[in-house]
Amino acid sequence: MKLIFALLSLIIPLTIGEFALKDCIAPVDKGGCKASIPVWKYDVFTRTCVEVYYGGCNATNNNFRSFEKCISVAGRICRPF
């Protein structure tokens, strides 16, 4: 499944603003910071947005402040796959 996402991200440059198909599988990187900020990320396995904790550094594009924003941005790009 990861291979499919990797290939599609190279073949189909599908983006909405900053969020691209390759971002669907990007983790929320806790990084070296020690904060514990609740954020939402799109999970390709459950095909929805899930709440996770972000450390405050090295944010990926798969890092949203609300469930609604996550679904409206990532859901449109990631859900069909």
PDB file of N, CA and C in Angstrom:
ATOM      1  N   MET A   1       0.828  -1.188   0.000  1.00  0.00           N
ATOM      2  CA  MET A   1       0.000   0.000   0.000  1.00  0.00           C
ATOM      3  C   MET A   1       0.877   1.258   0.000  1.00  0.00           C
ATOM      4  N   LYS A   2       1.976   1.234   0.760  1.00  0.00           N
ATOM      5  CA  LYS A   2       2.877   2.387   0.783  1.00  0.00           C
ATOM      6  C   LYS A   2       3.475   2.625  -0.598  1.00  0.00           C
ATOM      7  N   LEU A   3       3.739   1.547  -1.316  1.00  0.00           N
ATOM      8  CA  LEU A   3       4.292   1.678  -2.655  1.00  0.00           C
ATOM      9  C   LEU A   3       3.307   2.384  -3.573  1.00  0.00           C
ATOM     10  N   ILE A   4       2.030   2.053  -3.445  1.00  0.00           N
ATOM     11  CA  ILE A   4       0.999   2.701  -4.260  1.00  0.00           C
ATOM     12  C   ILE A   4       0.992   4.202  -4.003  1.00  0.00           C
ATOM     13  N   PHE A   5       1.013   4.600  -2.727  1.00  0.00           N
ATOM     14  CA  PHE A   5       1.032   6.028  -2.392  1.00  0.00           C
ATOM     15  C   PHE A   5       2.284   6.703  -2.928  1.00  0.00           C
ATOM     16  N   ALA A   6       3.419   6.022  -2.824  1.00  0.00           N
ATOM     17  CA  ALA A   6       4.669   6.602  -3.320  1.00  0.00           C
ATOM     18  C   ALA A   6       4.609   6.813  -4.829  1.00  0.00           C
ATOM     19  N   LEU A   7       4.119   5.816  -5.547  1.00  0.00           N
ATOM     20  CA  LEU A   7       4.014   5.937  -6.997  1.00  0.00           C
ATOM     21  C   LEU A   7       3.020   7.011  -7.406  1.00  0.00           C
ATOM     22  N   LEU A   8       1.882   7.044  -6.734  1.00  0.00           N
ATOM     23  CA  LEU A   8       0.880   8.055  -7.065  1.00  0.00           C
ATOM     24  C   LEU A   8       1.385   9.458  -6.790  1.00  0.00           C
ATOM     25  N   SER A   9       2.165   9.620  -5.750  1.00  0.00           N
ATOM     26  CA  SER A   9       2.681  10.958  -5.442  1.00  0.00           C
ATOM     27  C   SER A   9       3.682  11.426  -6.494  1.00  0.00           C
ATOM     28  N   LEU A  10       4.311  10.495  -7.197  1.00  0.00           N
ATOM     29  CA  LEU A  10       5.226  10.867  -8.270  1.00  0.00           C
ATOM     30  C   LEU A  10       4.492  11.092  -9.586  1.00  0.00           C
ATOM     31  N   ILE A  11       3.432  10.322  -9.805  1.00  0.00           N
ATOM     32  CA  ILE A  11       2.710  10.373 -11.069  1.00  0.00           C
ATOM     33  C   ILE A  11       1.657  11.475 -11.088  1.00  0.00           C
ATOM     34  N   ILE A  12       0.939  11.628 -10.005  1.00  0.00           N
ATOM     35  CA  ILE A  12      -0.174  12.572  -9.956  1.00  0.00           C
ATOM     36  C   ILE A  12       0.174  13.721  -9.019  1.00  0.00           C
ATOM     37  N   PRO A  13       0.544  14.860  -9.546  1.00  0.00           N
ATOM     38  CA  PRO A  13       0.857  15.994  -8.662  1.00  0.00           C
ATOM     39  C   PRO A  13      -0.417  16.664  -8.160  1.00  0.00           C
ATOM     40  N   LEU A  14      -1.183  15.966  -7.360  1.00  0.00           N
ATOM     41  CA  LEU A  14      -2.468  16.430  -6.864  1.00  0.00           C
ATOM     42  C   LEU A  14      -2.259  17.187  -5.561  1.00  0.00           C
ATOM     43  N   THR A  15      -2.572  18.463  -5.564  1.00  0.00           N
ATOM     44  CA  THR A  15      -2.368  19.260  -4.366  1.00  0.00           C
ATOM     45  C   THR A  15      -3.529  20.198  -4.098  1.00  0.00           C
ATOM     46  N   ILE A  16      -3.700  20.544  -2.838  1.00  0.00           N
ATOM     47  CA  ILE A  16      -4.599  21.618  -2.427  1.00  0.00           C
ATOM     48  C   ILE A  16      -3.747  22.499  -1.533  1.00  0.00           C
ATOM     49  N   GLY A  17      -3.337  23.640  -2.047  1.00  0.00           N
ATOM     50  CA  GLY A  17      -2.455  24.507  -1.275  1.00  0.00           C
ATOM     51  C   GLY A  17      -1.136  23.812  -1.008  1.00  0.00           C
ATOM     52  N   GLU A  18      -0.807  23.644   0.234  1.00  0.00           N
ATOM     53  CA  GLU A  18       0.445  23.017   0.640  1.00  0.00           C
ATOM     54  C   GLU A  18       0.328  21.498   0.757  1.00  0.00           C
ATOM     55  N   PHE A  19      -0.873  20.964   0.879  1.00  0.00           N
ATOM     56  CA  PHE A  19      -1.066  19.536   1.125  1.00  0.00           C
ATOM     57  C   PHE A  19      -1.067  18.772  -0.194  1.00  0.00           C
ATOM     58  N   ALA A  20      -0.238  17.736  -0.298  1.00  0.00           N
ATOM     59  CA  ALA A  20      -0.126  16.925  -1.507  1.00  0.00           C
ATOM     60  C   ALA A  20      -0.399  15.462  -1.173  1.00  0.00           C
ATOM     61  N   LEU A  21      -0.585  14.652  -2.185  1.00  0.00           N
ATOM     62  CA  LEU A  21      -0.881  13.234  -2.007  1.00  0.00           C
ATOM     63  C   LEU A  21       0.165  12.542  -1.135  1.00  0.00           C
ATOM     64  N   LYS A  22       1.428  12.899  -1.298  1.00  0.00           N
ATOM     65  CA  LYS A  22       2.492  12.279  -0.495  1.00  0.00           C
ATOM     66  C   LYS A  22       2.325  12.564   0.995  1.00  0.00           C
ATOM     67  N   ASP A  23       1.632  13.650   1.341  1.00  0.00           N
ATOM     68  CA  ASP A  23       1.430  14.013   2.744  1.00  0.00           C
ATOM     69  C   ASP A  23       0.427  13.100   3.451  1.00  0.00           C
ATOM     70  N   CYS A  24      -0.344  12.331   2.690  1.00  0.00           N
ATOM     71  CA  CYS A  24      -1.335  11.428   3.287  1.00  0.00           C
ATOM     72  C   CYS A  24      -0.688  10.417   4.231  1.00  0.00           C
ATOM     73  N   ILE A  25       0.539  10.022   3.930  1.00  0.00           N
ATOM     74  CA  ILE A  25       1.211   9.018   4.761  1.00  0.00           C
ATOM     75  C   ILE A  25       2.263   9.627   5.682  1.00  0.00           C
ATOM     76  N   ALA A  26       2.366  10.954   5.693  1.00  0.00           N
ATOM     77  CA  ALA A  26       3.362  11.609   6.551  1.00  0.00           C
ATOM     78  C   ALA A  26       2.949  11.501   8.016  1.00  0.00           C
ATOM     79  N   PRO A  27       3.878  11.099   8.877  1.00  0.00           N
ATOM     80  CA  PRO A  27       3.559  11.040  10.305  1.00  0.00           C
ATOM     81  C   PRO A  27       3.581  12.437  10.912  1.00  0.00           C
ATOM     82  N   VAL A  28       3.022  12.579  12.086  1.00  0.00           N
ATOM     83  CA  VAL A  28       3.203  13.804  12.853  1.00  0.00           C
ATOM     84  C   VAL A  28       4.487  13.580  13.630  1.00  0.00           C
ATOM     85  N   ASP A  29       5.541  14.269  13.236  1.00  0.00           N
ATOM     86  CA  ASP A  29       6.859  14.070  13.833  1.00  0.00           C
ATOM     87  C   ASP A  29       6.935  14.783  15.175  1.00  0.00           C
ATOM     88  N   LYS A  30       7.105  14.025  16.249  1.00  0.00           N
ATOM     89  CA  LYS A  30       7.210  14.620  17.580  1.00  0.00           C
ATOM     90  C   LYS A  30       8.470  15.462  17.680  1.00  0.00           C
ATOM     91  N   GLY A  31       9.504  15.103  16.944  1.00  0.00           N
ATOM     92  CA  GLY A  31      10.733  15.891  16.931  1.00  0.00           C
ATOM     93  C   GLY A  31      11.439  15.877  18.274  1.00  0.00           C
ATOM     94  N   GLY A  32      12.380  16.789  18.444  1.00  0.00           N
ATOM     95  CA  GLY A  32      13.150  16.858  19.674  1.00  0.00           C
ATOM     96  C   GLY A  32      12.495  17.719  20.742  1.00  0.00           C
ATOM     97  N   CYS A  33      11.378  18.317  20.423  1.00  0.00           N
ATOM     98  CA  CYS A  33      10.701  19.190  21.386  1.00  0.00           C
ATOM     99  C   CYS A  33       9.829  18.370  22.328  1.00  0.00           C
ATOM    100  N   LYS A  34       9.541  18.933  23.479  1.00  0.00           N
ATOM    101  CA  LYS A  34       8.864  18.172  24.526  1.00  0.00           C
ATOM    102  C   LYS A  34       7.438  18.612  24.802  1.00  0.00           C
ATOM    103  N   ALA A  35       6.863  19.412  23.912  1.00  0.00           N
ATOM    104  CA  ALA A  35       5.464  19.804  24.093  1.00  0.00           C
ATOM    105  C   ALA A  35       4.576  18.593  23.831  1.00  0.00           C
ATOM    106  N   SER A  36       3.352  18.697  24.178  1.00  0.00           N
ATOM    107  CA  SER A  36       2.380  17.631  23.919  1.00  0.00           C
ATOM    108  C   SER A  36       1.089  18.303  23.450  1.00  0.00           C
ATOM    109  N   ILE A  37       1.113  18.770  22.211  1.00  0.00           N
ATOM    110  CA  ILE A  37       0.022  19.548  21.641  1.00  0.00           C
ATOM    111  C   ILE A  37      -0.922  18.615  20.890  1.00  0.00           C
ATOM    112  N   PRO A  38      -2.207  18.581  21.259  1.00  0.00           N
ATOM    113  CA  PRO A  38      -3.134  17.733  20.508  1.00  0.00           C
ATOM    114  C   PRO A  38      -3.382  18.314  19.113  1.00  0.00           C
ATOM    115  N   VAL A  39      -3.187  17.485  18.098  1.00  0.00           N
ATOM    116  CA  VAL A  39      -3.438  17.859  16.706  1.00  0.00           C
ATOM    117  C   VAL A  39      -4.141  16.689  16.020  1.00  0.00           C
ATOM    118  N   TRP A  40      -4.560  16.910  14.794  1.00  0.00           N
ATOM    119  CA  TRP A  40      -5.228  15.874  14.009  1.00  0.00           C
ATOM    120  C   TRP A  40      -4.384  15.556  12.792  1.00  0.00           C
ATOM    121  N   LYS A  41      -4.301  14.271  12.438  1.00  0.00           N
ATOM    122  CA  LYS A  41      -3.603  13.835  11.234  1.00  0.00           C
ATOM    123  C   LYS A  41      -4.483  12.859  10.474  1.00  0.00           C
ATOM    124  N   TYR A  42      -4.316  12.809   9.166  1.00  0.00           N
ATOM    125  CA  TYR A  42      -5.066  11.847   8.363  1.00  0.00           C
ATOM    126  C   TYR A  42      -4.379  10.496   8.463  1.00  0.00           C
ATOM    127  N   ASP A  43      -5.154   9.466   8.765  1.00  0.00           N
ATOM    128  CA  ASP A  43      -4.655   8.096   8.889  1.00  0.00           C
ATOM    129  C   ASP A  43      -5.167   7.298   7.690  1.00  0.00           C
ATOM    130  N   VAL A  44      -4.263   6.859   6.811  1.00  0.00           N
ATOM    131  CA  VAL A  44      -4.671   6.150   5.599  1.00  0.00           C
ATOM    132  C   VAL A  44      -5.269   4.780   5.891  1.00  0.00           C
ATOM    133  N   PHE A  45      -4.971   4.204   7.038  1.00  0.00           N
ATOM    134  CA  PHE A  45      -5.495   2.877   7.358  1.00  0.00           C
ATOM    135  C   PHE A  45      -6.945   2.935   7.823  1.00  0.00           C
ATOM    136  N   THR A  46      -7.298   3.957   8.608  1.00  0.00           N
ATOM    137  CA  THR A  46      -8.686   4.097   9.061  1.00  0.00           C
ATOM    138  C   THR A  46      -9.493   4.992   8.131  1.00  0.00           C
ATOM    139  N   ARG A  47      -8.807   5.668   7.200  1.00  0.00           N
ATOM    140  CA  ARG A  47      -9.419   6.579   6.233  1.00  0.00           C
ATOM    141  C   ARG A  47     -10.207   7.713   6.883  1.00  0.00           C
ATOM    142  N   THR A  48      -9.653   8.208   7.965  1.00  0.00           N
ATOM    143  CA  THR A  48     -10.239   9.359   8.642  1.00  0.00           C
ATOM    144  C   THR A  48      -9.130  10.090   9.388  1.00  0.00           C
ATOM    145  N   CYS A  49      -9.479  11.173  10.027  1.00  0.00           N
ATOM    146  CA  CYS A  49      -8.508  11.925  10.814  1.00  0.00           C
ATOM    147  C   CYS A  49      -8.541  11.448  12.255  1.00  0.00           C
ATOM    148  N   VAL A  50      -7.375  11.341  12.854  1.00  0.00           N
ATOM    149  CA  VAL A  50      -7.256  10.872  14.234  1.00  0.00           C
ATOM    150  C   VAL A  50      -6.458  11.889  15.046  1.00  0.00           C
ATOM    151  N   GLU A  51      -6.776  11.960  16.332  1.00  0.00           N
ATOM    152  CA  GLU A  51      -6.073  12.882  17.215  1.00  0.00           C
ATOM    153  C   GLU A  51      -4.764  12.253  17.682  1.00  0.00           C
ATOM    154  N   VAL A  52      -3.686  13.013  17.592  1.00  0.00           N
ATOM    155  CA  VAL A  52      -2.360  12.589  18.040  1.00  0.00           C
ATOM    156  C   VAL A  52      -1.723  13.766  18.774  1.00  0.00           C
ATOM    157  N   TYR A  53      -0.539  13.552  19.326  1.00  0.00           N
ATOM    158  CA  TYR A  53       0.147  14.624  20.053  1.00  0.00           C
ATOM    159  C   TYR A  53       1.426  15.017  19.332  1.00  0.00           C
ATOM    160  N   TYR A  54       1.607  16.308  19.173  1.00  0.00           N
ATOM    161  CA  TYR A  54       2.719  16.903  18.444  1.00  0.00           C
ATOM    162  C   TYR A  54       3.662  17.569  19.437  1.00  0.00           C
ATOM    163  N   GLY A  55       4.955  17.366  19.243  1.00  0.00           N
ATOM    164  CA  GLY A  55       5.946  17.895  20.174  1.00  0.00           C
ATOM    165  C   GLY A  55       6.265  19.368  20.029  1.00  0.00           C
ATOM    166  N   GLY A  56       5.850  19.988  18.923  1.00  0.00           N
ATOM    167  CA  GLY A  56       6.081  21.412  18.741  1.00  0.00           C
ATOM    168  C   GLY A  56       7.176  21.756  17.747  1.00  0.00           C
ATOM    169  N   CYS A  57       7.895  20.763  17.220  1.00  0.00           N
ATOM    170  CA  CYS A  57       8.965  21.003  16.236  1.00  0.00           C
ATOM    171  C   CYS A  57       8.774  20.089  15.028  1.00  0.00           C
ATOM    172  N   ASN A  58       9.324  20.504  13.903  1.00  0.00           N
ATOM    173  CA  ASN A  58       9.350  19.674  12.691  1.00  0.00           C
ATOM    174  C   ASN A  58       7.967  19.240  12.218  1.00  0.00           C
ATOM    175  N   ALA A  59       7.047  20.156  12.120  1.00  0.00           N
ATOM    176  CA  ALA A  59       5.689  19.819  11.675  1.00  0.00           C
ATOM    177  C   ALA A  59       5.693  19.356  10.225  1.00  0.00           C
ATOM    178  N   THR A  60       4.884  18.343   9.940  1.00  0.00           N
ATOM    179  CA  THR A  60       4.663  17.922   8.560  1.00  0.00           C
ATOM    180  C   THR A  60       3.361  18.573   8.099  1.00  0.00           C
ATOM    181  N   ASN A  61       3.027  18.411   6.828  1.00  0.00           N
ATOM    182  CA  ASN A  61       1.760  18.948   6.329  1.00  0.00           C
ATOM    183  C   ASN A  61       0.572  18.154   6.853  1.00  0.00           C
ATOM    184  N   ASN A  62       0.818  16.952   7.369  1.00  0.00           N
ATOM    185  CA  ASN A  62      -0.253  16.120   7.919  1.00  0.00           C
ATOM    186  C   ASN A  62      -0.390  16.425   9.412  1.00  0.00           C
ATOM    187  N   ASN A  63      -0.678  17.667   9.715  1.00  0.00           N
ATOM    188  CA  ASN A  63      -0.736  18.159  11.090  1.00  0.00           C
ATOM    189  C   ASN A  63      -1.747  19.306  11.104  1.00  0.00           C
ATOM    190  N   PHE A  64      -2.942  19.055  11.643  1.00  0.00           N
ATOM    191  CA  PHE A  64      -4.038  20.026  11.596  1.00  0.00           C
ATOM    192  C   PHE A  64      -4.517  20.372  12.997  1.00  0.00           C
ATOM    193  N   ARG A  65      -4.992  21.588  13.169  1.00  0.00           N
ATOM    194  CA  ARG A  65      -5.463  22.042  14.478  1.00  0.00           C
ATOM    195  C   ARG A  65      -6.849  21.516  14.839  1.00  0.00           C
ATOM    196  N   SER A  66      -7.623  21.081  13.847  1.00  0.00           N
ATOM    197  CA  SER A  66      -8.968  20.578  14.144  1.00  0.00           C
ATOM    198  C   SER A  66      -9.313  19.403  13.235  1.00  0.00           C
ATOM    199  N   PHE A  67     -10.260  18.594  13.694  1.00  0.00           N
ATOM    200  CA  PHE A  67     -10.765  17.473  12.904  1.00  0.00           C
ATOM    201  C   PHE A  67     -11.371  17.987  11.603  1.00  0.00           C
ATOM    202  N   GLU A  68     -12.143  19.064  11.699  1.00  0.00           N
ATOM    203  CA  GLU A  68     -12.831  19.619  10.538  1.00  0.00           C
ATOM    204  C   GLU A  68     -11.843  20.061   9.455  1.00  0.00           C
ATOM    205  N   LYS A  69     -10.775  20.734   9.861  1.00  0.00           N
ATOM    206  CA  LYS A  69      -9.766  21.186   8.896  1.00  0.00           C
ATOM    207  C   LYS A  69      -9.052  19.989   8.277  1.00  0.00           C
ATOM    208  N   CYS A  70      -8.751  18.991   9.070  1.00  0.00           N
ATOM    209  CA  CYS A  70      -8.099  17.777   8.575  1.00  0.00           C
ATOM    210  C   CYS A  70      -8.952  17.092   7.516  1.00  0.00           C
ATOM    211  N   ILE A  71     -10.226  16.900   7.814  1.00  0.00           N
ATOM    212  CA  ILE A  71     -11.135  16.242   6.863  1.00  0.00           C
ATOM    213  C   ILE A  71     -11.308  17.077   5.604  1.00  0.00           C
ATOM    214  N   SER A  72     -11.455  18.392   5.762  1.00  0.00           N
ATOM    215  CA  SER A  72     -11.703  19.234   4.587  1.00  0.00           C
ATOM    216  C   SER A  72     -10.491  19.308   3.658  1.00  0.00           C
ATOM    217  N   VAL A  73      -9.290  19.224   4.193  1.00  0.00           N
ATOM    218  CA  VAL A  73      -8.085  19.296   3.358  1.00  0.00           C
ATOM    219  C   VAL A  73      -7.608  17.896   2.974  1.00  0.00           C
ATOM    220  N   ALA A  74      -7.238  17.099   3.956  1.00  0.00           N
ATOM    221  CA  ALA A  74      -6.662  15.777   3.684  1.00  0.00           C
ATOM    222  C   ALA A  74      -7.704  14.787   3.173  1.00  0.00           C
ATOM    223  N   GLY A  75      -8.916  14.876   3.680  1.00  0.00           N
ATOM    224  CA  GLY A  75      -9.957  13.940   3.267  1.00  0.00           C
ATOM    225  C   GLY A  75     -10.235  13.975   1.781  1.00  0.00           C
ATOM    226  N   ARG A  76     -10.148  15.156   1.182  1.00  0.00           N
ATOM    227  CA  ARG A  76     -10.407  15.283  -0.259  1.00  0.00           C
ATOM    228  C   ARG A  76      -9.307  14.645  -1.096  1.00  0.00           C
ATOM    229  N   ILE A  77      -8.089  14.663  -0.611  1.00  0.00           N
ATOM    230  CA  ILE A  77      -6.967  14.112  -1.377  1.00  0.00           C
ATOM    231  C   ILE A  77      -6.723  12.645  -1.049  1.00  0.00           C
ATOM    232  N   CYS A  78      -6.761  12.291   0.212  1.00  0.00           N
ATOM    233  CA  CYS A  78      -6.362  10.953   0.651  1.00  0.00           C
ATOM    234  C   CYS A  78      -7.468   9.908   0.576  1.00  0.00           C
ATOM    235  N   ARG A  79      -8.689  10.272   0.815  1.00  0.00           N
ATOM    236  CA  ARG A  79      -9.775   9.299   0.939  1.00  0.00           C
ATOM    237  C   ARG A  79      -9.978   8.418  -0.291  1.00  0.00           C
ATOM    238  N   PRO A  80      -9.882   8.935  -1.523  1.00  0.00           N
ATOM    239  CA  PRO A  80     -10.110   8.062  -2.684  1.00  0.00           C
ATOM    240  C   PRO A  80      -9.125   6.906  -2.800  1.00  0.00           C
ATOM    241  N   PHE A  81      -7.979   7.013  -2.142  1.00  0.00           N
ATOM    242  CA  PHE A  81      -6.959   5.977  -2.255  1.00  0.00           C
ATOM    243  C   PHE A  81      -6.988   5.163  -1.026  1.00  0.00           C
TER     244      PHE A  81
END
